[in-house]
Amino acid sequence: RWERPLRAMAVIFEVFRRKREELGVTLLGALLIILILASLMYAVEFEDNGEQFPNIPAAMWWCVTCLSTVGYGDAVPKSWLGKILGCLAAFLGVGLFAMPAGILGSGFLEVYEQRKAERRRRRINALAGIDPLNSGSGGG
């Protein structure tokens, strides 16, 4: 009863294990984008819109909501340069979520192809009468 869900979880863990470096680089890139955009937004909006962007952490909150396309509306840029940064953040947000999806998709493809080749190899060995446990003993 639990065999299929556990097998599926094993595939998911294998994909994350194989793609951990790529996902880590993507996460680091996302954090860097958030820090840079938030700092720029704070610098652009602080003088005219200081109540919505009083500090960089508040601008980081705006950046996360904008990148994730949630956009609560609690902080909105007023200057034209701030609005351009907002557009840039929205476009980057789409790519930011598409990148890990592509990485994980390719990871699933790799794992399934490997498992398929493994099953094929086992079937061929079974038809040929090769015992996989004793195939490397070199007996004679």
N, C-alpha and C. Protein backbone atom coordinates (compact mmCIF):
# COMPACT_ATOMS: atom_id res chain seq x y z
N ARG A 1 0.82 -1.19 0.00
CA ARG A 1 0.00 0.00 0.00
C ARG A 1 0.86 1.26 0.00
N TRP A 2 1.95 1.25 0.73
CA TRP A 2 2.83 2.42 0.82
C TRP A 2 3.98 2.35 -0.16
N GLU A 3 4.07 1.27 -0.91
CA GLU A 3 5.23 1.08 -1.78
C GLU A 3 5.31 2.14 -2.88
N ARG A 4 4.21 2.41 -3.57
CA ARG A 4 4.24 3.39 -4.66
C ARG A 4 4.55 4.81 -4.18
N PRO A 5 3.88 5.32 -3.12
CA PRO A 5 4.23 6.67 -2.65
C PRO A 5 5.69 6.77 -2.18
N LEU A 6 6.18 5.72 -1.53
CA LEU A 6 7.58 5.75 -1.08
C LEU A 6 8.54 5.73 -2.26
N ARG A 7 8.19 4.98 -3.29
CA ARG A 7 9.02 4.97 -4.50
C ARG A 7 9.03 6.35 -5.16
N ALA A 8 7.88 7.00 -5.19
CA ALA A 8 7.79 8.34 -5.76
C ALA A 8 8.62 9.34 -4.94
N MET A 9 8.56 9.22 -3.63
CA MET A 9 9.36 10.11 -2.77
C MET A 9 10.85 9.86 -3.00
N ALA A 10 11.22 8.62 -3.22
CA ALA A 10 12.63 8.30 -3.48
C ALA A 10 13.09 8.98 -4.77
N VAL A 11 12.23 9.02 -5.77
CA VAL A 11 12.57 9.70 -7.03
C VAL A 11 12.76 11.20 -6.77
N ILE A 12 11.85 11.79 -6.01
CA ILE A 12 11.94 13.23 -5.71
C ILE A 12 13.24 13.54 -4.97
N PHE A 13 13.56 12.73 -3.95
CA PHE A 13 14.79 12.96 -3.20
C PHE A 13 16.02 12.78 -4.08
N GLU A 14 15.98 11.81 -4.98
CA GLU A 14 17.10 11.59 -5.89
C GLU A 14 17.30 12.78 -6.82
N VAL A 15 16.21 13.35 -7.32
CA VAL A 15 16.30 14.52 -8.19
C VAL A 15 16.92 15.69 -7.43
N PHE A 16 16.45 15.95 -6.21
CA PHE A 16 17.00 17.05 -5.42
C PHE A 16 18.47 16.80 -5.08
N ARG A 17 18.82 15.55 -4.82
CA ARG A 17 20.22 15.23 -4.52
C ARG A 17 21.11 15.50 -5.73
N ARG A 18 20.65 15.09 -6.91
CA ARG A 18 21.44 15.28 -8.13
C ARG A 18 21.55 16.74 -8.54
N LYS A 19 20.53 17.51 -8.29
CA LYS A 19 20.47 18.90 -8.76
C LYS A 19 20.72 19.92 -7.66
N ARG A 20 21.27 19.49 -6.54
CA ARG A 20 21.44 20.41 -5.41
C ARG A 20 22.37 21.58 -5.74
N GLU A 21 23.41 21.34 -6.54
CA GLU A 21 24.33 22.43 -6.87
C GLU A 21 23.64 23.48 -7.74
N GLU A 22 22.92 23.03 -8.78
CA GLU A 22 22.23 23.97 -9.66
C GLU A 22 21.16 24.74 -8.90
N LEU A 23 20.42 24.04 -8.04
CA LEU A 23 19.39 24.72 -7.24
C LEU A 23 20.02 25.70 -6.25
N GLY A 24 21.17 25.34 -5.69
CA GLY A 24 21.87 26.24 -4.78
C GLY A 24 22.33 27.51 -5.46
N VAL A 25 22.87 27.36 -6.67
CA VAL A 25 23.31 28.53 -7.44
C VAL A 25 22.12 29.41 -7.78
N THR A 26 20.99 28.78 -8.13
CA THR A 26 19.77 29.54 -8.44
C THR A 26 19.29 30.30 -7.21
N LEU A 27 19.31 29.65 -6.05
CA LEU A 27 18.89 30.32 -4.82
C LEU A 27 19.82 31.48 -4.48
N LEU A 28 21.11 31.26 -4.64
CA LEU A 28 22.06 32.34 -4.39
C LEU A 28 21.83 33.51 -5.35
N GLY A 29 21.57 33.20 -6.62
CA GLY A 29 21.25 34.24 -7.60
C GLY A 29 19.99 35.01 -7.22
N ALA A 30 18.98 34.29 -6.73
CA ALA A 30 17.73 34.93 -6.32
C ALA A 30 17.98 35.88 -5.16
N LEU A 31 18.76 35.44 -4.19
CA LEU A 31 19.06 36.30 -3.04
C LEU A 31 19.84 37.54 -3.47
N LEU A 32 20.74 37.35 -4.41
CA LEU A 32 21.53 38.48 -4.92
C LEU A 32 20.62 39.46 -5.67
N ILE A 33 19.72 38.95 -6.48
CA ILE A 33 18.77 39.81 -7.20
C ILE A 33 17.90 40.59 -6.22
N ILE A 34 17.41 39.90 -5.19
CA ILE A 34 16.58 40.57 -4.19
C ILE A 34 17.35 41.69 -3.50
N LEU A 35 18.58 41.41 -3.11
CA LEU A 35 19.40 42.42 -2.42
C LEU A 35 19.68 43.62 -3.32
N ILE A 36 20.04 43.37 -4.57
CA ILE A 36 20.37 44.46 -5.49
C ILE A 36 19.13 45.30 -5.81
N LEU A 37 18.03 44.62 -6.17
CA LEU A 37 16.80 45.37 -6.51
C LEU A 37 16.26 46.14 -5.31
N ALA A 38 16.31 45.54 -4.14
CA ALA A 38 15.81 46.22 -2.94
C ALA A 38 16.67 47.44 -2.61
N SER A 39 17.97 47.30 -2.74
CA SER A 39 18.86 48.43 -2.48
C SER A 39 18.63 49.56 -3.48
N LEU A 40 18.47 49.20 -4.74
CA LEU A 40 18.19 50.21 -5.76
C LEU A 40 16.84 50.89 -5.51
N MET A 41 15.83 50.10 -5.17
CA MET A 41 14.50 50.67 -4.91
C MET A 41 14.54 51.60 -3.71
N TYR A 42 15.25 51.21 -2.67
CA TYR A 42 15.38 52.08 -1.50
C TYR A 42 16.05 53.39 -1.89
N ALA A 43 17.13 53.30 -2.66
CA ALA A 43 17.86 54.51 -3.06
C ALA A 43 16.99 55.42 -3.93
N VAL A 44 16.18 54.83 -4.78
CA VAL A 44 15.36 55.61 -5.71
C VAL A 44 14.14 56.21 -5.01
N GLU A 45 13.51 55.46 -4.12
CA GLU A 45 12.22 55.85 -3.56
C GLU A 45 12.28 56.50 -2.17
N PHE A 46 13.39 56.42 -1.47
CA PHE A 46 13.43 56.86 -0.08
C PHE A 46 13.03 58.32 0.11
N GLU A 47 13.54 59.20 -0.73
CA GLU A 47 13.27 60.64 -0.53
C GLU A 47 11.81 61.00 -0.72
N ASP A 48 11.21 60.51 -1.80
CA ASP A 48 9.82 60.88 -2.11
C ASP A 48 8.79 59.90 -1.55
N ASN A 49 9.21 58.70 -1.19
CA ASN A 49 8.28 57.66 -0.79
C ASN A 49 8.83 56.91 0.42
N GLY A 50 9.38 57.66 1.36
CA GLY A 50 10.04 57.07 2.52
C GLY A 50 9.13 56.30 3.46
N GLU A 51 7.84 56.62 3.45
CA GLU A 51 6.92 55.89 4.34
C GLU A 51 6.70 54.46 3.85
N GLN A 52 6.82 54.19 2.55
CA GLN A 52 6.65 52.84 2.02
C GLN A 52 7.97 52.09 1.89
N PHE A 53 9.06 52.84 1.74
CA PHE A 53 10.39 52.25 1.63
C PHE A 53 11.32 52.90 2.66
N PRO A 54 11.06 52.68 3.96
CA PRO A 54 11.85 53.37 4.99
C PRO A 54 13.27 52.81 5.16
N ASN A 55 13.47 51.57 4.75
CA ASN A 55 14.79 50.94 4.88
C ASN A 55 14.93 49.82 3.86
N ILE A 56 16.12 49.25 3.78
CA ILE A 56 16.36 48.20 2.79
C ILE A 56 15.56 46.93 3.10
N PRO A 57 15.45 46.48 4.36
CA PRO A 57 14.60 45.30 4.60
C PRO A 57 13.15 45.48 4.15
N ALA A 58 12.59 46.68 4.31
CA ALA A 58 11.24 46.93 3.83
C ALA A 58 11.20 46.86 2.30
N ALA A 59 12.25 47.36 1.67
CA ALA A 59 12.34 47.27 0.21
C ALA A 59 12.54 45.81 -0.22
N MET A 60 13.20 45.01 0.61
CA MET A 60 13.35 43.59 0.30
C MET A 60 12.00 42.88 0.35
N TRP A 61 11.14 43.28 1.29
CA TRP A 61 9.79 42.72 1.35
C TRP A 61 9.05 43.04 0.05
N TRP A 62 9.14 44.30 -0.38
CA TRP A 62 8.51 44.67 -1.64
C TRP A 62 9.06 43.82 -2.78
N CYS A 63 10.37 43.63 -2.79
CA CYS A 63 11.03 42.89 -3.87
C CYS A 63 10.57 41.43 -3.91
N VAL A 64 10.46 40.80 -2.76
CA VAL A 64 10.01 39.40 -2.71
C VAL A 64 8.58 39.29 -3.21
N THR A 65 7.72 40.20 -2.78
CA THR A 65 6.33 40.13 -3.24
C THR A 65 6.24 40.43 -4.74
N CYS A 66 7.10 41.29 -5.24
CA CYS A 66 7.08 41.61 -6.66
C CYS A 66 7.66 40.46 -7.49
N LEU A 67 8.78 39.91 -7.06
CA LEU A 67 9.39 38.80 -7.79
C LEU A 67 8.50 37.57 -7.82
N SER A 68 7.77 37.34 -6.75
CA SER A 68 6.89 36.18 -6.69
C SER A 68 5.54 36.47 -7.34
N THR A 69 5.38 37.64 -7.88
CA THR A 69 4.15 38.14 -8.53
C THR A 69 2.93 38.09 -7.61
N VAL A 70 3.16 38.14 -6.29
CA VAL A 70 2.06 38.24 -5.33
C VAL A 70 1.56 39.67 -5.32
N GLY A 71 2.47 40.61 -5.16
CA GLY A 71 2.14 42.03 -5.22
C GLY A 71 1.01 42.46 -4.29
N TYR A 72 1.26 42.46 -3.00
CA TYR A 72 0.24 42.83 -2.03
C TYR A 72 -0.27 44.25 -2.20
N GLY A 73 0.59 45.13 -2.70
CA GLY A 73 0.18 46.52 -2.87
C GLY A 73 0.43 47.37 -1.65
N ASP A 74 1.07 46.81 -0.62
CA ASP A 74 1.36 47.59 0.58
C ASP A 74 2.51 48.56 0.37
N ALA A 75 3.37 48.29 -0.60
CA ALA A 75 4.45 49.21 -0.96
C ALA A 75 4.45 49.33 -2.48
N VAL A 76 4.30 50.56 -2.94
CA VAL A 76 4.21 50.81 -4.38
C VAL A 76 5.14 51.96 -4.72
N PRO A 77 6.00 51.79 -5.73
CA PRO A 77 6.88 52.90 -6.11
C PRO A 77 6.08 54.04 -6.74
N LYS A 78 6.54 55.27 -6.49
CA LYS A 78 5.85 56.45 -7.04
C LYS A 78 6.63 57.09 -8.18
N SER A 79 7.95 57.02 -8.13
CA SER A 79 8.77 57.66 -9.17
C SER A 79 8.79 56.79 -10.43
N TRP A 80 9.08 57.42 -11.57
CA TRP A 80 9.13 56.66 -12.82
C TRP A 80 10.27 55.66 -12.79
N LEU A 81 11.38 56.02 -12.15
CA LEU A 81 12.51 55.08 -12.06
C LEU A 81 12.15 53.89 -11.16
N GLY A 82 11.41 54.16 -10.09
CA GLY A 82 10.95 53.08 -9.21
C GLY A 82 9.99 52.15 -9.94
N LYS A 83 9.14 52.72 -10.78
CA LYS A 83 8.20 51.90 -11.54
C LYS A 83 8.92 51.05 -12.58
N ILE A 84 9.98 51.60 -13.17
CA ILE A 84 10.80 50.81 -14.11
C ILE A 84 11.46 49.65 -13.38
N LEU A 85 11.99 49.94 -12.17
CA LEU A 85 12.57 48.85 -11.36
C LEU A 85 11.52 47.80 -11.02
N GLY A 86 10.29 48.24 -10.75
CA GLY A 86 9.20 47.31 -10.47
C GLY A 86 8.91 46.41 -11.66
N CYS A 87 8.91 46.99 -12.86
CA CYS A 87 8.71 46.19 -14.07
C CYS A 87 9.84 45.18 -14.25
N LEU A 88 11.07 45.64 -14.02
CA LEU A 88 12.22 44.74 -14.12
C LEU A 88 12.10 43.59 -13.12
N ALA A 89 11.68 43.91 -11.90
CA ALA A 89 11.52 42.87 -10.88
C ALA A 89 10.44 41.87 -11.28
N ALA A 90 9.35 42.35 -11.86
CA ALA A 90 8.27 41.45 -12.28
C ALA A 90 8.76 40.51 -13.39
N PHE A 91 9.51 41.05 -14.36
CA PHE A 91 10.03 40.20 -15.43
C PHE A 91 11.06 39.20 -14.91
N LEU A 92 11.93 39.66 -14.00
CA LEU A 92 12.92 38.74 -13.42
C LEU A 92 12.25 37.65 -12.59
N GLY A 93 11.14 37.99 -11.96
CA GLY A 93 10.43 37.02 -11.13
C GLY A 93 9.92 35.84 -11.93
N VAL A 94 9.47 36.09 -13.15
CA VAL A 94 9.00 34.99 -14.01
C VAL A 94 10.16 34.03 -14.28
N GLY A 95 11.29 34.57 -14.66
CA GLY A 95 12.46 33.73 -14.93
C GLY A 95 13.01 33.06 -13.69
N LEU A 96 12.88 33.75 -12.58
CA LEU A 96 13.39 33.22 -11.32
C LEU A 96 12.67 31.94 -10.91
N PHE A 97 11.38 31.86 -11.21
CA PHE A 97 10.63 30.65 -10.87
C PHE A 97 10.67 29.63 -12.00
N ALA A 98 10.93 30.06 -13.22
CA ALA A 98 11.04 29.12 -14.33
C ALA A 98 12.35 28.34 -14.28
N MET A 99 13.41 28.97 -13.78
CA MET A 99 14.70 28.31 -13.76
C MET A 99 14.72 27.05 -12.88
N PRO A 100 14.28 27.11 -11.61
CA PRO A 100 14.26 25.87 -10.82
C PRO A 100 13.31 24.82 -11.41
N ALA A 101 12.23 25.26 -12.04
CA ALA A 101 11.31 24.30 -12.66
C ALA A 101 12.01 23.54 -13.78
N GLY A 102 12.79 24.24 -14.58
CA GLY A 102 13.55 23.59 -15.65
C GLY A 102 14.62 22.66 -15.11
N ILE A 103 15.30 23.10 -14.05
CA ILE A 103 16.34 22.27 -13.43
C ILE A 103 15.72 20.98 -12.89
N LEU A 104 14.62 21.10 -12.17
CA LEU A 104 13.97 19.92 -11.61
C LEU A 104 13.39 19.03 -12.72
N GLY A 105 12.85 19.64 -13.77
CA GLY A 105 12.33 18.85 -14.89
C GLY A 105 13.41 18.02 -15.54
N SER A 106 14.57 18.61 -15.77
CA SER A 106 15.67 17.84 -16.36
C SER A 106 16.16 16.76 -15.40
N GLY A 107 16.10 17.05 -14.10
CA GLY A 107 16.50 16.04 -13.11
C GLY A 107 15.57 14.84 -13.12
N PHE A 108 14.26 15.09 -13.22
CA PHE A 108 13.30 13.99 -13.30
C PHE A 108 13.54 13.16 -14.56
N LEU A 109 13.83 13.83 -15.66
CA LEU A 109 14.10 13.12 -16.90
C LEU A 109 15.33 12.22 -16.76
N GLU A 110 16.40 12.74 -16.15
CA GLU A 110 17.61 11.96 -15.94
C GLU A 110 17.35 10.72 -15.08
N VAL A 111 16.63 10.92 -13.98
CA VAL A 111 16.36 9.80 -13.06
C VAL A 111 15.50 8.75 -13.74
N TYR A 112 14.47 9.16 -14.44
CA TYR A 112 13.59 8.19 -15.11
C TYR A 112 14.32 7.47 -16.24
N GLU A 113 15.16 8.16 -16.99
CA GLU A 113 15.93 7.50 -18.04
C GLU A 113 16.91 6.49 -17.45
N GLN A 114 17.55 6.83 -16.33
CA GLN A 114 18.47 5.90 -15.70
C GLN A 114 17.73 4.66 -15.19
N ARG A 115 16.57 4.88 -14.57
CA ARG A 115 15.79 3.75 -14.05
C ARG A 115 15.27 2.88 -15.19
N LYS A 116 14.91 3.49 -16.29
CA LYS A 116 14.44 2.74 -17.45
C LYS A 116 15.57 1.88 -18.02
N ALA A 117 16.78 2.44 -18.14
CA ALA A 117 17.93 1.70 -18.64
C ALA A 117 18.28 0.56 -17.68
N GLU A 118 18.16 0.82 -16.39
CA GLU A 118 18.45 -0.21 -15.38
C GLU A 118 17.47 -1.38 -15.50
N ARG A 119 16.18 -1.07 -15.66
CA ARG A 119 15.18 -2.14 -15.83
C ARG A 119 15.44 -2.93 -17.11
N ARG A 120 15.80 -2.24 -18.19
CA ARG A 120 16.10 -2.90 -19.46
C ARG A 120 17.30 -3.83 -19.30
N ARG A 121 18.33 -3.36 -18.61
CA ARG A 121 19.54 -4.16 -18.40
C ARG A 121 19.21 -5.41 -17.59
N ARG A 122 18.38 -5.24 -16.54
CA ARG A 122 17.99 -6.39 -15.72
C ARG A 122 17.19 -7.41 -16.53
N ARG A 123 16.31 -6.93 -17.38
CA ARG A 123 15.51 -7.82 -18.22
C ARG A 123 16.38 -8.60 -19.19
N ILE A 124 17.35 -7.92 -19.80
CA ILE A 124 18.26 -8.58 -20.74
C ILE A 124 19.09 -9.62 -20.01
N ASN A 125 19.59 -9.27 -18.82
CA ASN A 125 20.38 -10.22 -18.03
C ASN A 125 19.55 -11.43 -17.63
N ALA A 126 18.28 -11.18 -17.30
CA ALA A 126 17.41 -12.30 -16.91
C ALA A 126 17.17 -13.22 -18.10
N LEU A 127 16.96 -12.65 -19.28
CA LEU A 127 16.75 -13.46 -20.49
C LEU A 127 18.01 -14.23 -20.86
N ALA A 128 19.17 -13.64 -20.60
CA ALA A 128 20.43 -14.30 -20.93
C ALA A 128 20.86 -15.27 -19.85
N GLY A 129 20.17 -15.27 -18.73
CA GLY A 129 20.52 -16.17 -17.63
C GLY A 129 21.72 -15.72 -16.83
N ILE A 130 21.98 -14.42 -16.82
CA ILE A 130 23.12 -13.88 -16.07
C ILE A 130 22.64 -13.51 -14.68
N ASP A 131 23.35 -14.00 -13.68
CA ASP A 131 23.03 -13.66 -12.30
C ASP A 131 23.75 -12.35 -11.98
N PRO A 132 23.03 -11.26 -11.68
CA PRO A 132 23.68 -9.98 -11.45
C PRO A 132 24.58 -9.98 -10.22
N LEU A 133 24.37 -10.89 -9.28
CA LEU A 133 25.23 -10.94 -8.11
C LEU A 133 26.56 -11.63 -8.39
N ASN A 134 26.60 -12.53 -9.35
CA ASN A 134 27.83 -13.27 -9.64
C ASN A 134 28.40 -12.95 -11.01
N SER A 135 27.94 -11.89 -11.65
CA SER A 135 28.37 -11.61 -13.02
C SER A 135 29.81 -11.13 -13.10
N GLY A 136 30.37 -10.62 -12.03
CA GLY A 136 31.74 -10.10 -12.08
C GLY A 136 32.75 -11.02 -11.44
N SER A 137 32.41 -12.28 -11.14
CA SER A 137 33.34 -13.15 -10.42
C SER A 137 34.42 -13.74 -11.30
N GLY A 138 34.19 -13.76 -12.62
CA GLY A 138 35.20 -14.30 -13.55
C GLY A 138 35.42 -15.79 -13.37
N GLY A 139 34.40 -16.49 -12.94
CA GLY A 139 34.53 -17.93 -12.64
C GLY A 139 34.88 -18.75 -13.88
N GLY A 140 35.46 -19.94 -13.67
CA GLY A 140 35.85 -20.74 -14.81
C GLY A 140 36.11 -22.09 -14.49
